Amino acid sequence: MKDRYTDINEYIHDLQEEIAKDPKCAIHHYNLGVAMLSLGDFTEAEECFLNAVRQSPHLAEAFIQLGGLCQRRGDLEGCLQYNKEAAEARAKFPEPWNNIGFVYLQQGEIDKAIGALQKALTWNPRFVQARSNLASALFQKGEYEKCIETCNMVIREYPDFAPAWNNLSLAAFELGDLEKAYDAALKAYEFGFDVADEYWKELKAAREKAQA
């Protein structure tokens, strides 16, 4: 741990020297921001990423990092705006569209979330987080069969992706398929998902009633 800490400080020192020589290099500012993130210095990291986009307004990755910092402090609107700027800066980049979809999902803008997540999947059909977020959006919209279909697409490729199992369980429960719901909830738990206690109670009670 000490060696790594020494190494990253040397790396930061080298970057700072490079920036002093060439303050207009956006990549150096961006890399310094990433290094500061690794140290947990979020304030300094944010300033570095802001410097990066000041020097290069098309550096989409820096906008995404800024969005992540906004999300970390609960500023969903800031996160949304930065990711929109990232999407504008770099065409066919799936990451900001997934983040935009996630924010809309948190804000209850389900149709907007679905549209953004579908864009993310257009540019990267194997983007597991975007497909999982899409399953959540479809569930919230009440499209349970589409939710299950989307979850199955994730699980076929990533069998241990716990959020997909949880979404599948919730959708199956709403459709009355209690055994599928129970089995999927067990899988979600097995792979590390914190299945809500209230949902467990409701699911177990429904199964017991059905089996009585």
N, C-alpha and C. Protein backbone atom coordinates (compact mmCIF):
# COMPACT_ATOMS: atom_id res chain seq x y z
N MET A 1 0.84 -1.20 0.00
CA MET A 1 0.00 0.00 0.00
C MET A 1 0.88 1.26 0.00
N LYS A 2 1.98 1.23 0.83
CA LYS A 2 2.88 2.37 0.92
C LYS A 2 3.57 2.61 -0.43
N ASP A 3 4.05 1.49 -1.05
CA ASP A 3 4.72 1.63 -2.34
C ASP A 3 3.79 2.25 -3.37
N ARG A 4 2.54 1.76 -3.37
CA ARG A 4 1.57 2.28 -4.34
C ARG A 4 1.32 3.77 -4.09
N TYR A 5 1.20 4.13 -2.81
CA TYR A 5 0.96 5.53 -2.46
C TYR A 5 2.13 6.41 -2.93
N THR A 6 3.36 5.91 -2.73
CA THR A 6 4.54 6.65 -3.19
C THR A 6 4.52 6.77 -4.71
N ASP A 7 4.17 5.68 -5.37
CA ASP A 7 4.15 5.70 -6.84
C ASP A 7 3.15 6.73 -7.36
N ILE A 8 1.96 6.76 -6.77
CA ILE A 8 0.94 7.67 -7.31
C ILE A 8 1.33 9.12 -7.02
N ASN A 9 1.99 9.36 -5.92
CA ASN A 9 2.44 10.73 -5.65
C ASN A 9 3.53 11.16 -6.62
N GLU A 10 4.39 10.21 -6.96
CA GLU A 10 5.40 10.50 -7.98
C GLU A 10 4.72 10.79 -9.32
N TYR A 11 3.69 9.99 -9.63
CA TYR A 11 2.94 10.18 -10.87
C TYR A 11 2.28 11.56 -10.89
N ILE A 12 1.66 11.93 -9.77
CA ILE A 12 1.01 13.24 -9.66
C ILE A 12 2.05 14.36 -9.82
N HIS A 13 3.18 14.18 -9.17
CA HIS A 13 4.25 15.19 -9.27
C HIS A 13 4.69 15.37 -10.73
N ASP A 14 4.86 14.23 -11.43
CA ASP A 14 5.26 14.30 -12.84
C ASP A 14 4.20 15.01 -13.69
N LEU A 15 2.92 14.69 -13.43
CA LEU A 15 1.85 15.34 -14.18
C LEU A 15 1.83 16.84 -13.92
N GLN A 16 2.02 17.22 -12.67
CA GLN A 16 2.01 18.64 -12.33
C GLN A 16 3.16 19.38 -13.01
N GLU A 17 4.29 18.71 -13.12
CA GLU A 17 5.42 19.31 -13.84
C GLU A 17 5.10 19.47 -15.32
N GLU A 18 4.45 18.44 -15.90
CA GLU A 18 4.08 18.51 -17.32
C GLU A 18 3.07 19.63 -17.56
N ILE A 19 2.12 19.78 -16.64
CA ILE A 19 1.11 20.83 -16.77
C ILE A 19 1.75 22.22 -16.65
N ALA A 20 2.74 22.34 -15.77
CA ALA A 20 3.45 23.62 -15.63
C ALA A 20 4.14 23.99 -16.94
N LYS A 21 4.66 22.99 -17.65
CA LYS A 21 5.31 23.23 -18.94
C LYS A 21 4.30 23.51 -20.05
N ASP A 22 3.16 22.79 -19.97
CA ASP A 22 2.15 22.89 -21.04
C ASP A 22 0.75 22.90 -20.41
N PRO A 23 0.32 24.05 -19.88
CA PRO A 23 -0.96 24.12 -19.18
C PRO A 23 -2.19 23.91 -20.07
N LYS A 24 -1.98 23.89 -21.40
CA LYS A 24 -3.12 23.72 -22.30
C LYS A 24 -3.35 22.26 -22.70
N CYS A 25 -2.57 21.34 -22.14
CA CYS A 25 -2.74 19.92 -22.48
C CYS A 25 -3.90 19.33 -21.66
N ALA A 26 -5.04 19.11 -22.31
CA ALA A 26 -6.23 18.61 -21.61
C ALA A 26 -6.01 17.22 -21.03
N ILE A 27 -5.25 16.38 -21.74
CA ILE A 27 -5.04 15.01 -21.28
C ILE A 27 -4.29 14.98 -19.96
N HIS A 28 -3.31 15.85 -19.80
CA HIS A 28 -2.58 15.91 -18.52
C HIS A 28 -3.52 16.32 -17.39
N HIS A 29 -4.38 17.29 -17.62
CA HIS A 29 -5.35 17.70 -16.60
C HIS A 29 -6.29 16.54 -16.27
N TYR A 30 -6.74 15.84 -17.32
CA TYR A 30 -7.65 14.72 -17.11
C TYR A 30 -6.97 13.62 -16.29
N ASN A 31 -5.75 13.25 -16.67
CA ASN A 31 -5.03 12.19 -15.96
C ASN A 31 -4.76 12.58 -14.51
N LEU A 32 -4.48 13.84 -14.29
CA LEU A 32 -4.29 14.31 -12.91
C LEU A 32 -5.59 14.18 -12.12
N GLY A 33 -6.71 14.47 -12.77
CA GLY A 33 -8.01 14.31 -12.11
C GLY A 33 -8.27 12.87 -11.72
N VAL A 34 -7.95 11.94 -12.60
CA VAL A 34 -8.13 10.52 -12.30
C VAL A 34 -7.24 10.11 -11.13
N ALA A 35 -6.00 10.62 -11.11
CA ALA A 35 -5.09 10.32 -10.00
C ALA A 35 -5.64 10.87 -8.68
N MET A 36 -6.18 12.08 -8.73
CA MET A 36 -6.75 12.67 -7.52
C MET A 36 -7.97 11.87 -7.04
N LEU A 37 -8.75 11.36 -7.97
CA LEU A 37 -9.87 10.50 -7.59
C LEU A 37 -9.38 9.28 -6.82
N SER A 38 -8.30 8.70 -7.30
CA SER A 38 -7.78 7.49 -6.65
C SER A 38 -7.32 7.78 -5.22
N LEU A 39 -6.97 9.03 -4.94
CA LEU A 39 -6.58 9.44 -3.58
C LEU A 39 -7.78 9.90 -2.75
N GLY A 40 -8.96 9.96 -3.39
CA GLY A 40 -10.15 10.43 -2.68
C GLY A 40 -10.24 11.93 -2.55
N ASP A 41 -9.43 12.66 -3.31
CA ASP A 41 -9.47 14.13 -3.28
C ASP A 41 -10.44 14.60 -4.37
N PHE A 42 -11.72 14.59 -4.03
CA PHE A 42 -12.76 14.85 -5.03
C PHE A 42 -12.79 16.32 -5.45
N THR A 43 -12.48 17.22 -4.53
CA THR A 43 -12.48 18.65 -4.86
C THR A 43 -11.40 18.96 -5.89
N GLU A 44 -10.20 18.47 -5.64
CA GLU A 44 -9.09 18.71 -6.58
C GLU A 44 -9.36 18.00 -7.91
N ALA A 45 -9.92 16.78 -7.84
CA ALA A 45 -10.24 16.04 -9.07
C ALA A 45 -11.21 16.82 -9.94
N GLU A 46 -12.22 17.41 -9.31
CA GLU A 46 -13.21 18.18 -10.06
C GLU A 46 -12.56 19.36 -10.77
N GLU A 47 -11.66 20.04 -10.07
CA GLU A 47 -10.99 21.18 -10.69
C GLU A 47 -10.13 20.73 -11.87
N CYS A 48 -9.50 19.58 -11.74
CA CYS A 48 -8.69 19.05 -12.84
C CYS A 48 -9.56 18.74 -14.06
N PHE A 49 -10.71 18.12 -13.83
CA PHE A 49 -11.59 17.78 -14.96
C PHE A 49 -12.17 19.04 -15.60
N LEU A 50 -12.47 20.04 -14.78
CA LEU A 50 -12.93 21.32 -15.33
C LEU A 50 -11.84 21.96 -16.19
N ASN A 51 -10.60 21.89 -15.71
CA ASN A 51 -9.49 22.40 -16.51
C ASN A 51 -9.36 21.64 -17.82
N ALA A 52 -9.61 20.34 -17.76
CA ALA A 52 -9.50 19.51 -18.98
C ALA A 52 -10.52 19.96 -20.02
N VAL A 53 -11.78 20.18 -19.61
CA VAL A 53 -12.80 20.56 -20.61
C VAL A 53 -12.65 22.03 -21.02
N ARG A 54 -12.02 22.84 -20.17
CA ARG A 54 -11.73 24.22 -20.59
C ARG A 54 -10.73 24.21 -21.76
N GLN A 55 -9.79 23.30 -21.68
CA GLN A 55 -8.78 23.20 -22.74
C GLN A 55 -9.27 22.41 -23.94
N SER A 56 -10.17 21.45 -23.70
CA SER A 56 -10.68 20.61 -24.79
C SER A 56 -12.17 20.35 -24.57
N PRO A 57 -13.03 21.19 -25.12
CA PRO A 57 -14.48 21.06 -24.91
C PRO A 57 -15.08 19.77 -25.48
N HIS A 58 -14.28 19.01 -26.20
CA HIS A 58 -14.78 17.76 -26.78
C HIS A 58 -14.27 16.53 -26.04
N LEU A 59 -13.67 16.72 -24.87
CA LEU A 59 -13.15 15.60 -24.09
C LEU A 59 -14.29 14.99 -23.28
N ALA A 60 -15.03 14.08 -23.92
CA ALA A 60 -16.24 13.52 -23.33
C ALA A 60 -15.98 12.81 -22.01
N GLU A 61 -14.84 12.13 -21.91
CA GLU A 61 -14.54 11.39 -20.69
C GLU A 61 -14.47 12.31 -19.47
N ALA A 62 -13.97 13.53 -19.66
CA ALA A 62 -13.90 14.48 -18.54
C ALA A 62 -15.30 14.92 -18.12
N PHE A 63 -16.19 15.14 -19.08
CA PHE A 63 -17.57 15.48 -18.74
C PHE A 63 -18.23 14.34 -17.94
N ILE A 64 -17.94 13.10 -18.34
CA ILE A 64 -18.52 11.96 -17.63
C ILE A 64 -18.01 11.91 -16.18
N GLN A 65 -16.71 12.17 -16.00
CA GLN A 65 -16.16 12.19 -14.64
C GLN A 65 -16.81 13.30 -13.81
N LEU A 66 -17.03 14.45 -14.42
CA LEU A 66 -17.69 15.55 -13.72
C LEU A 66 -19.12 15.16 -13.34
N GLY A 67 -19.79 14.46 -14.26
CA GLY A 67 -21.13 13.96 -13.95
C GLY A 67 -21.13 12.99 -12.79
N GLY A 68 -20.12 12.13 -12.76
CA GLY A 68 -20.01 11.17 -11.65
C GLY A 68 -19.79 11.86 -10.31
N LEU A 69 -19.01 12.93 -10.31
CA LEU A 69 -18.80 13.68 -9.08
C LEU A 69 -20.08 14.37 -8.62
N CYS A 70 -20.86 14.86 -9.60
CA CYS A 70 -22.16 15.45 -9.25
C CYS A 70 -23.09 14.40 -8.63
N GLN A 71 -23.12 13.23 -9.26
CA GLN A 71 -23.97 12.16 -8.74
C GLN A 71 -23.56 11.78 -7.32
N ARG A 72 -22.26 11.77 -7.08
CA ARG A 72 -21.74 11.39 -5.77
C ARG A 72 -22.27 12.32 -4.67
N ARG A 73 -22.45 13.60 -4.99
CA ARG A 73 -22.95 14.53 -3.97
C ARG A 73 -24.45 14.77 -4.08
N GLY A 74 -25.12 13.92 -4.89
CA GLY A 74 -26.58 13.99 -4.97
C GLY A 74 -27.13 15.02 -5.93
N ASP A 75 -26.28 15.58 -6.76
CA ASP A 75 -26.69 16.60 -7.72
C ASP A 75 -27.06 15.92 -9.05
N LEU A 76 -28.29 15.42 -9.15
CA LEU A 76 -28.70 14.69 -10.35
C LEU A 76 -28.79 15.59 -11.57
N GLU A 77 -29.22 16.83 -11.37
CA GLU A 77 -29.31 17.75 -12.51
C GLU A 77 -27.93 18.04 -13.09
N GLY A 78 -26.95 18.24 -12.20
CA GLY A 78 -25.59 18.45 -12.67
C GLY A 78 -25.06 17.24 -13.41
N CYS A 79 -25.34 16.06 -12.87
CA CYS A 79 -24.92 14.81 -13.52
C CYS A 79 -25.55 14.70 -14.90
N LEU A 80 -26.82 15.01 -14.99
CA LEU A 80 -27.54 14.94 -16.26
C LEU A 80 -26.93 15.89 -17.29
N GLN A 81 -26.68 17.13 -16.87
CA GLN A 81 -26.16 18.14 -17.80
C GLN A 81 -24.77 17.78 -18.30
N TYR A 82 -23.90 17.33 -17.41
CA TYR A 82 -22.55 16.97 -17.84
C TYR A 82 -22.56 15.79 -18.81
N ASN A 83 -23.45 14.83 -18.56
CA ASN A 83 -23.51 13.68 -19.47
C ASN A 83 -24.12 14.05 -20.81
N LYS A 84 -25.03 15.02 -20.81
CA LYS A 84 -25.55 15.52 -22.09
C LYS A 84 -24.42 16.19 -22.88
N GLU A 85 -23.57 16.93 -22.18
CA GLU A 85 -22.44 17.56 -22.85
C GLU A 85 -21.47 16.50 -23.39
N ALA A 86 -21.30 15.42 -22.64
CA ALA A 86 -20.43 14.33 -23.11
C ALA A 86 -21.00 13.70 -24.37
N ALA A 87 -22.33 13.51 -24.39
CA ALA A 87 -22.98 12.91 -25.56
C ALA A 87 -22.87 13.82 -26.78
N GLU A 88 -22.93 15.12 -26.55
CA GLU A 88 -22.78 16.07 -27.66
C GLU A 88 -21.33 16.13 -28.15
N ALA A 89 -20.40 15.97 -27.20
CA ALA A 89 -18.98 16.09 -27.54
C ALA A 89 -18.49 14.91 -28.36
N ARG A 90 -19.07 13.74 -28.12
CA ARG A 90 -18.58 12.54 -28.80
C ARG A 90 -19.75 11.69 -29.27
N ALA A 91 -19.92 11.64 -30.55
CA ALA A 91 -21.02 10.86 -31.13
C ALA A 91 -20.77 9.37 -30.93
N LYS A 92 -21.85 8.64 -30.81
CA LYS A 92 -21.81 7.17 -30.71
C LYS A 92 -21.05 6.68 -29.47
N PHE A 93 -21.11 7.45 -28.39
CA PHE A 93 -20.45 7.08 -27.14
C PHE A 93 -21.53 6.59 -26.18
N PRO A 94 -21.57 5.30 -25.85
CA PRO A 94 -22.69 4.77 -25.08
C PRO A 94 -22.73 5.19 -23.62
N GLU A 95 -21.56 5.44 -23.02
CA GLU A 95 -21.49 5.69 -21.58
C GLU A 95 -22.37 6.86 -21.12
N PRO A 96 -22.31 8.04 -21.77
CA PRO A 96 -23.16 9.13 -21.28
C PRO A 96 -24.64 8.84 -21.43
N TRP A 97 -25.02 8.10 -22.48
CA TRP A 97 -26.44 7.78 -22.65
C TRP A 97 -26.94 6.86 -21.54
N ASN A 98 -26.09 5.94 -21.10
CA ASN A 98 -26.47 5.11 -19.96
C ASN A 98 -26.65 5.96 -18.71
N ASN A 99 -25.72 6.89 -18.49
CA ASN A 99 -25.82 7.75 -17.32
C ASN A 99 -27.04 8.67 -17.38
N ILE A 100 -27.33 9.17 -18.58
CA ILE A 100 -28.53 10.00 -18.76
C ILE A 100 -29.77 9.18 -18.44
N GLY A 101 -29.81 7.95 -18.94
CA GLY A 101 -30.94 7.07 -18.65
C GLY A 101 -31.08 6.80 -17.17
N PHE A 102 -29.96 6.58 -16.50
CA PHE A 102 -30.00 6.32 -15.06
C PHE A 102 -30.57 7.52 -14.30
N VAL A 103 -30.14 8.72 -14.66
CA VAL A 103 -30.65 9.92 -13.97
C VAL A 103 -32.15 10.06 -14.21
N TYR A 104 -32.58 9.91 -15.45
CA TYR A 104 -34.02 10.00 -15.73
C TYR A 104 -34.80 8.96 -14.94
N LEU A 105 -34.20 7.78 -14.78
CA LEU A 105 -34.84 6.72 -14.01
C LEU A 105 -35.03 7.16 -12.56
N GLN A 106 -33.98 7.78 -12.00
CA GLN A 106 -34.06 8.28 -10.63
C GLN A 106 -35.09 9.39 -10.48
N GLN A 107 -35.29 10.14 -11.56
CA GLN A 107 -36.24 11.26 -11.52
C GLN A 107 -37.66 10.86 -11.88
N GLY A 108 -37.86 9.60 -12.21
CA GLY A 108 -39.19 9.11 -12.57
C GLY A 108 -39.61 9.43 -13.98
N GLU A 109 -38.66 9.85 -14.82
CA GLU A 109 -38.93 10.15 -16.23
C GLU A 109 -38.69 8.86 -17.04
N ILE A 110 -39.62 7.93 -16.94
CA ILE A 110 -39.37 6.57 -17.42
C ILE A 110 -39.20 6.51 -18.94
N ASP A 111 -40.07 7.18 -19.68
CA ASP A 111 -39.96 7.14 -21.14
C ASP A 111 -38.65 7.77 -21.63
N LYS A 112 -38.25 8.87 -20.99
CA LYS A 112 -36.98 9.48 -21.34
C LYS A 112 -35.82 8.54 -21.01
N ALA A 113 -35.93 7.84 -19.88
CA ALA A 113 -34.89 6.89 -19.49
C ALA A 113 -34.77 5.78 -20.53
N ILE A 114 -35.90 5.24 -20.95
CA ILE A 114 -35.89 4.15 -21.93
C ILE A 114 -35.26 4.62 -23.23
N GLY A 115 -35.60 5.82 -23.68
CA GLY A 115 -35.03 6.35 -24.91
C GLY A 115 -33.52 6.49 -24.84
N ALA A 116 -33.02 7.01 -23.70
CA ALA A 116 -31.58 7.19 -23.54
C ALA A 116 -30.86 5.85 -23.47
N LEU A 117 -31.43 4.91 -22.75
CA LEU A 117 -30.79 3.60 -22.59
C LEU A 117 -30.78 2.83 -23.90
N GLN A 118 -31.82 2.99 -24.69
CA GLN A 118 -31.82 2.35 -26.01
C GLN A 118 -30.74 2.93 -26.90
N LYS A 119 -30.47 4.23 -26.75
CA LYS A 119 -29.36 4.83 -27.52
C LYS A 119 -28.02 4.23 -27.08
N ALA A 120 -27.85 4.06 -25.77
CA ALA A 120 -26.61 3.45 -25.27
C ALA A 120 -26.42 2.07 -25.87
N LEU A 121 -27.51 1.30 -25.95
CA LEU A 121 -27.43 -0.07 -26.47
C LEU A 121 -27.30 -0.10 -27.98
N THR A 122 -27.74 0.96 -28.65
CA THR A 122 -27.51 1.06 -30.10
C THR A 122 -26.01 1.10 -30.39
N TRP A 123 -25.28 1.88 -29.57
CA TRP A 123 -23.83 2.04 -29.78
C TRP A 123 -23.04 0.88 -29.19
N ASN A 124 -23.61 0.20 -28.19
CA ASN A 124 -22.92 -0.96 -27.60
C ASN A 124 -23.97 -1.96 -27.09
N PRO A 125 -24.37 -2.91 -27.94
CA PRO A 125 -25.40 -3.87 -27.55
C PRO A 125 -25.01 -4.75 -26.37
N ARG A 126 -23.72 -4.81 -26.03
CA ARG A 126 -23.26 -5.66 -24.92
C ARG A 126 -23.02 -4.86 -23.64
N PHE A 127 -23.56 -3.66 -23.59
CA PHE A 127 -23.39 -2.78 -22.43
C PHE A 127 -24.33 -3.27 -21.32
N VAL A 128 -23.78 -4.10 -20.43
CA VAL A 128 -24.61 -4.81 -19.46
C VAL A 128 -25.32 -3.86 -18.50
N GLN A 129 -24.66 -2.80 -18.05
CA GLN A 129 -25.29 -1.89 -17.11
C GLN A 129 -26.45 -1.15 -17.76
N ALA A 130 -26.29 -0.78 -19.03
CA ALA A 130 -27.38 -0.10 -19.73
C ALA A 130 -28.58 -1.02 -19.91
N ARG A 131 -28.30 -2.29 -20.23
CA ARG A 131 -29.42 -3.23 -20.41
C ARG A 131 -30.11 -3.52 -19.09
N SER A 132 -29.33 -3.58 -18.02
CA SER A 132 -29.93 -3.78 -16.70
C SER A 132 -30.77 -2.58 -16.29
N ASN A 133 -30.26 -1.37 -16.56
CA ASN A 133 -31.04 -0.17 -16.27
C ASN A 133 -32.32 -0.13 -17.10
N LEU A 134 -32.22 -0.61 -18.35
CA LEU A 134 -33.41 -0.67 -19.20
C LEU A 134 -34.44 -1.61 -18.61
N ALA A 135 -33.99 -2.74 -18.06
CA ALA A 135 -34.91 -3.68 -17.40
C ALA A 135 -35.62 -2.99 -16.24
N SER A 136 -34.88 -2.21 -15.46
CA SER A 136 -35.49 -1.47 -14.35
C SER A 136 -36.53 -0.48 -14.84
N ALA A 137 -36.23 0.20 -15.93
CA ALA A 137 -37.16 1.17 -16.49
C ALA A 137 -38.43 0.48 -16.99
N LEU A 138 -38.26 -0.65 -17.67
CA LEU A 138 -39.42 -1.39 -18.17
C LEU A 138 -40.27 -1.90 -17.01
N PHE A 139 -39.63 -2.31 -15.93
CA PHE A 139 -40.38 -2.74 -14.75
C PHE A 139 -41.20 -1.58 -14.19
N GLN A 140 -40.55 -0.43 -14.06
CA GLN A 140 -41.25 0.73 -13.51
C GLN A 140 -42.41 1.17 -14.40
N LYS A 141 -42.28 0.91 -15.69
CA LYS A 141 -43.36 1.27 -16.62
C LYS A 141 -44.49 0.24 -16.61
N GLY A 142 -44.26 -0.90 -15.94
CA GLY A 142 -45.27 -1.95 -15.89
C GLY A 142 -45.20 -2.92 -17.05
N GLU A 143 -44.13 -2.86 -17.84
CA GLU A 143 -43.96 -3.77 -18.97
C GLU A 143 -43.13 -4.98 -18.49
N TYR A 144 -43.82 -5.84 -17.72
CA TYR A 144 -43.12 -6.90 -16.99
C TYR A 144 -42.55 -7.97 -17.92
N GLU A 145 -43.27 -8.33 -18.95
CA GLU A 145 -42.76 -9.35 -19.87
C GLU A 145 -41.52 -8.85 -20.61
N LYS A 146 -41.54 -7.59 -21.02
CA LYS A 146 -40.36 -7.01 -21.68
C LYS A 146 -39.20 -6.91 -20.69
N CYS A 147 -39.52 -6.64 -19.45
CA CYS A 147 -38.50 -6.58 -18.40
C CYS A 147 -37.81 -7.94 -18.27
N ILE A 148 -38.61 -8.99 -18.20
CA ILE A 148 -38.06 -10.35 -18.08
C ILE A 148 -37.22 -10.70 -19.30
N GLU A 149 -37.72 -10.37 -20.47
CA GLU A 149 -36.96 -10.63 -21.71
C GLU A 149 -35.61 -9.93 -21.68
N THR A 150 -35.61 -8.68 -21.22
CA THR A 150 -34.37 -7.91 -21.15
C THR A 150 -33.42 -8.49 -20.11
N CYS A 151 -33.96 -8.90 -18.96
CA CYS A 151 -33.13 -9.54 -17.94
C CYS A 151 -32.51 -10.83 -18.45
N ASN A 152 -33.28 -11.61 -19.18
CA ASN A 152 -32.76 -12.87 -19.72
C ASN A 152 -31.63 -12.63 -20.71
N MET A 153 -31.71 -11.54 -21.45
CA MET A 153 -30.63 -11.19 -22.38
C MET A 153 -29.33 -10.93 -21.61
N VAL A 154 -29.46 -10.25 -20.48
CA VAL A 154 -28.28 -9.97 -19.64
C VAL A 154 -27.74 -11.27 -19.07
N ILE A 155 -28.64 -12.09 -18.51
CA ILE A 155 -28.23 -13.30 -17.80
C ILE A 155 -27.59 -14.32 -18.74
N ARG A 156 -28.07 -14.38 -19.97
CA ARG A 156 -27.46 -15.31 -20.93
C ARG A 156 -25.98 -14.99 -21.13
N GLU A 157 -25.66 -13.70 -21.11
CA GLU A 157 -24.28 -13.30 -21.35
C GLU A 157 -23.48 -13.18 -20.05
N TYR A 158 -24.16 -12.77 -18.98
CA TYR A 158 -23.50 -12.58 -17.68
C TYR A 158 -24.34 -13.29 -16.61
N PRO A 159 -24.17 -14.59 -16.46
CA PRO A 159 -25.06 -15.38 -15.58
C PRO A 159 -25.00 -14.98 -14.11
N ASP A 160 -23.94 -14.30 -13.70
CA ASP A 160 -23.82 -13.92 -12.29
C ASP A 160 -24.10 -12.44 -12.05
N PHE A 161 -24.78 -11.79 -13.00
CA PHE A 161 -25.09 -10.36 -12.84
C PHE A 161 -26.34 -10.22 -11.97
N ALA A 162 -26.10 -9.97 -10.70
CA ALA A 162 -27.17 -10.03 -9.69
C ALA A 162 -28.34 -9.08 -9.92
N PRO A 163 -28.12 -7.80 -10.33
CA PRO A 163 -29.27 -6.91 -10.52
C PRO A 163 -30.28 -7.43 -11.55
N ALA A 164 -29.78 -8.14 -12.57
CA ALA A 164 -30.71 -8.69 -13.57
C ALA A 164 -31.59 -9.77 -12.95
N TRP A 165 -31.00 -10.60 -12.09
CA TRP A 165 -31.80 -11.61 -11.39
C TRP A 165 -32.85 -10.97 -10.50
N ASN A 166 -32.49 -9.87 -9.83
CA ASN A 166 -33.45 -9.19 -8.96
C ASN A 166 -34.60 -8.60 -9.77
N ASN A 167 -34.27 -7.93 -10.88
CA ASN A 167 -35.33 -7.37 -11.73
C ASN A 167 -36.23 -8.46 -12.29
N LEU A 168 -35.61 -9.58 -12.68
CA LEU A 168 -36.40 -10.70 -13.20
C LEU A 168 -37.37 -11.21 -12.13
N SER A 169 -36.88 -11.30 -10.90
CA SER A 169 -37.72 -11.76 -9.80
C SER A 169 -38.91 -10.82 -9.58
N LEU A 170 -38.64 -9.53 -9.56
CA LEU A 170 -39.72 -8.55 -9.33
C LEU A 170 -40.78 -8.63 -10.43
N ALA A 171 -40.32 -8.73 -11.68
CA ALA A 171 -41.27 -8.78 -12.79
C ALA A 171 -42.08 -10.08 -12.76
N ALA A 172 -41.41 -11.20 -12.47
CA ALA A 172 -42.11 -12.49 -12.39
C ALA A 172 -43.16 -12.47 -11.28
N PHE A 173 -42.82 -11.83 -10.17
CA PHE A 173 -43.77 -11.71 -9.06
C PHE A 173 -45.01 -10.94 -9.50
N GLU A 174 -44.82 -9.85 -10.22
CA GLU A 174 -45.96 -9.05 -10.68
C GLU A 174 -46.84 -9.84 -11.65
N LEU A 175 -46.23 -10.77 -12.39
CA LEU A 175 -46.99 -11.60 -13.33
C LEU A 175 -47.58 -12.84 -12.67
N GLY A 176 -47.32 -13.00 -11.37
CA GLY A 176 -47.89 -14.12 -10.64
C GLY A 176 -47.11 -15.42 -10.73
N ASP A 177 -45.92 -15.38 -11.31
CA ASP A 177 -45.09 -16.58 -11.40
C ASP A 177 -44.19 -16.61 -10.17
N LEU A 178 -44.75 -17.12 -9.08
CA LEU A 178 -44.08 -17.02 -7.79
C LEU A 178 -42.83 -17.88 -7.69
N GLU A 179 -42.86 -19.05 -8.32
CA GLU A 179 -41.68 -19.92 -8.25
C GLU A 179 -40.51 -19.31 -9.01
N LYS A 180 -40.79 -18.77 -10.19
CA LYS A 180 -39.72 -18.10 -10.95
C LYS A 180 -39.21 -16.90 -10.15
N ALA A 181 -40.13 -16.17 -9.53
CA ALA A 181 -39.74 -15.01 -8.73
C ALA A 181 -38.85 -15.43 -7.57
N TYR A 182 -39.21 -16.51 -6.91
CA TYR A 182 -38.45 -16.98 -5.75
C TYR A 182 -37.05 -17.47 -6.17
N ASP A 183 -37.02 -18.28 -7.22
CA ASP A 183 -35.73 -18.80 -7.70
C ASP A 183 -34.80 -17.66 -8.14
N ALA A 184 -35.37 -16.67 -8.82
CA ALA A 184 -34.55 -15.54 -9.28
C ALA A 184 -34.05 -14.70 -8.11
N ALA A 185 -34.89 -14.53 -7.09
CA ALA A 185 -34.47 -13.78 -5.90
C ALA A 185 -33.33 -14.50 -5.20
N LEU A 186 -33.40 -15.82 -5.13
CA LEU A 186 -32.31 -16.60 -4.54
C LEU A 186 -31.01 -16.39 -5.32
N LYS A 187 -31.13 -16.39 -6.65
CA LYS A 187 -29.95 -16.17 -7.49
C LYS A 187 -29.37 -14.77 -7.25
N ALA A 188 -30.25 -13.78 -7.18
CA ALA A 188 -29.80 -12.41 -6.93
C ALA A 188 -29.02 -12.34 -5.62
N TYR A 189 -29.57 -12.98 -4.59
CA TYR A 189 -28.92 -12.99 -3.28
C TYR A 189 -27.59 -13.75 -3.34
N GLU A 190 -27.60 -14.88 -4.02
CA GLU A 190 -26.39 -15.71 -4.16
C GLU A 190 -25.25 -14.92 -4.80
N PHE A 191 -25.60 -14.07 -5.77
CA PHE A 191 -24.57 -13.31 -6.49
C PHE A 191 -24.30 -11.94 -5.88
N GLY A 192 -24.83 -11.71 -4.66
CA GLY A 192 -24.42 -10.53 -3.92
C GLY A 192 -25.39 -9.37 -3.88
N PHE A 193 -26.61 -9.55 -4.41
CA PHE A 193 -27.57 -8.44 -4.39
C PHE A 193 -28.29 -8.41 -3.04
N ASP A 194 -28.46 -7.24 -2.50
CA ASP A 194 -29.14 -7.07 -1.22
C ASP A 194 -30.66 -7.00 -1.46
N VAL A 195 -31.27 -8.17 -1.57
CA VAL A 195 -32.71 -8.24 -1.83
C VAL A 195 -33.45 -7.65 -0.63
N ALA A 196 -34.39 -6.75 -0.91
CA ALA A 196 -35.09 -6.03 0.15
C ALA A 196 -35.85 -6.98 1.07
N ASP A 197 -35.74 -6.74 2.38
CA ASP A 197 -36.40 -7.61 3.37
C ASP A 197 -37.91 -7.63 3.16
N GLU A 198 -38.49 -6.47 2.85
CA GLU A 198 -39.94 -6.41 2.67
C GLU A 198 -40.38 -7.26 1.47
N TYR A 199 -39.55 -7.23 0.43
CA TYR A 199 -39.89 -8.05 -0.74
C TYR A 199 -39.80 -9.53 -0.40
N TRP A 200 -38.76 -9.93 0.33
CA TRP A 200 -38.64 -11.33 0.75
C TRP A 200 -39.90 -11.77 1.51
N LYS A 201 -40.32 -10.95 2.46
CA LYS A 201 -41.50 -11.29 3.27
C LYS A 201 -42.74 -11.43 2.39
N GLU A 202 -42.92 -10.47 1.48
CA GLU A 202 -44.10 -10.49 0.60
C GLU A 202 -44.07 -11.72 -0.31
N LEU A 203 -42.89 -12.02 -0.85
CA LEU A 203 -42.74 -13.16 -1.75
C LEU A 203 -42.99 -14.48 -1.02
N LYS A 204 -42.40 -14.64 0.15
CA LYS A 204 -42.58 -15.88 0.91
C LYS A 204 -44.03 -16.07 1.35
N ALA A 205 -44.66 -14.98 1.75
CA ALA A 205 -46.07 -15.06 2.16
C ALA A 205 -46.95 -15.46 0.99
N ALA A 206 -46.68 -14.91 -0.19
CA ALA A 206 -47.46 -15.24 -1.39
C ALA A 206 -47.28 -16.71 -1.77
N ARG A 207 -46.06 -17.21 -1.67
CA ARG A 207 -45.80 -18.63 -1.97
C ARG A 207 -46.51 -19.56 -1.00
N GLU A 208 -46.44 -19.21 0.28
CA GLU A 208 -47.10 -20.04 1.29
C GLU A 208 -48.60 -20.07 1.07
N LYS A 209 -49.15 -18.93 0.72
CA LYS A 209 -50.60 -18.86 0.46
C LYS A 209 -50.97 -19.69 -0.76
N ALA A 210 -50.14 -19.63 -1.80
CA ALA A 210 -50.41 -20.37 -3.03
C ALA A 210 -50.27 -21.88 -2.81
N GLN A 211 -49.37 -22.27 -1.90
CA GLN A 211 -49.13 -23.69 -1.65
C GLN A 211 -50.08 -24.28 -0.64
N ALA A 212 -50.85 -23.42 0.08
CA ALA A 212 -51.76 -23.90 1.13
C ALA A 212 -52.95 -24.65 0.55
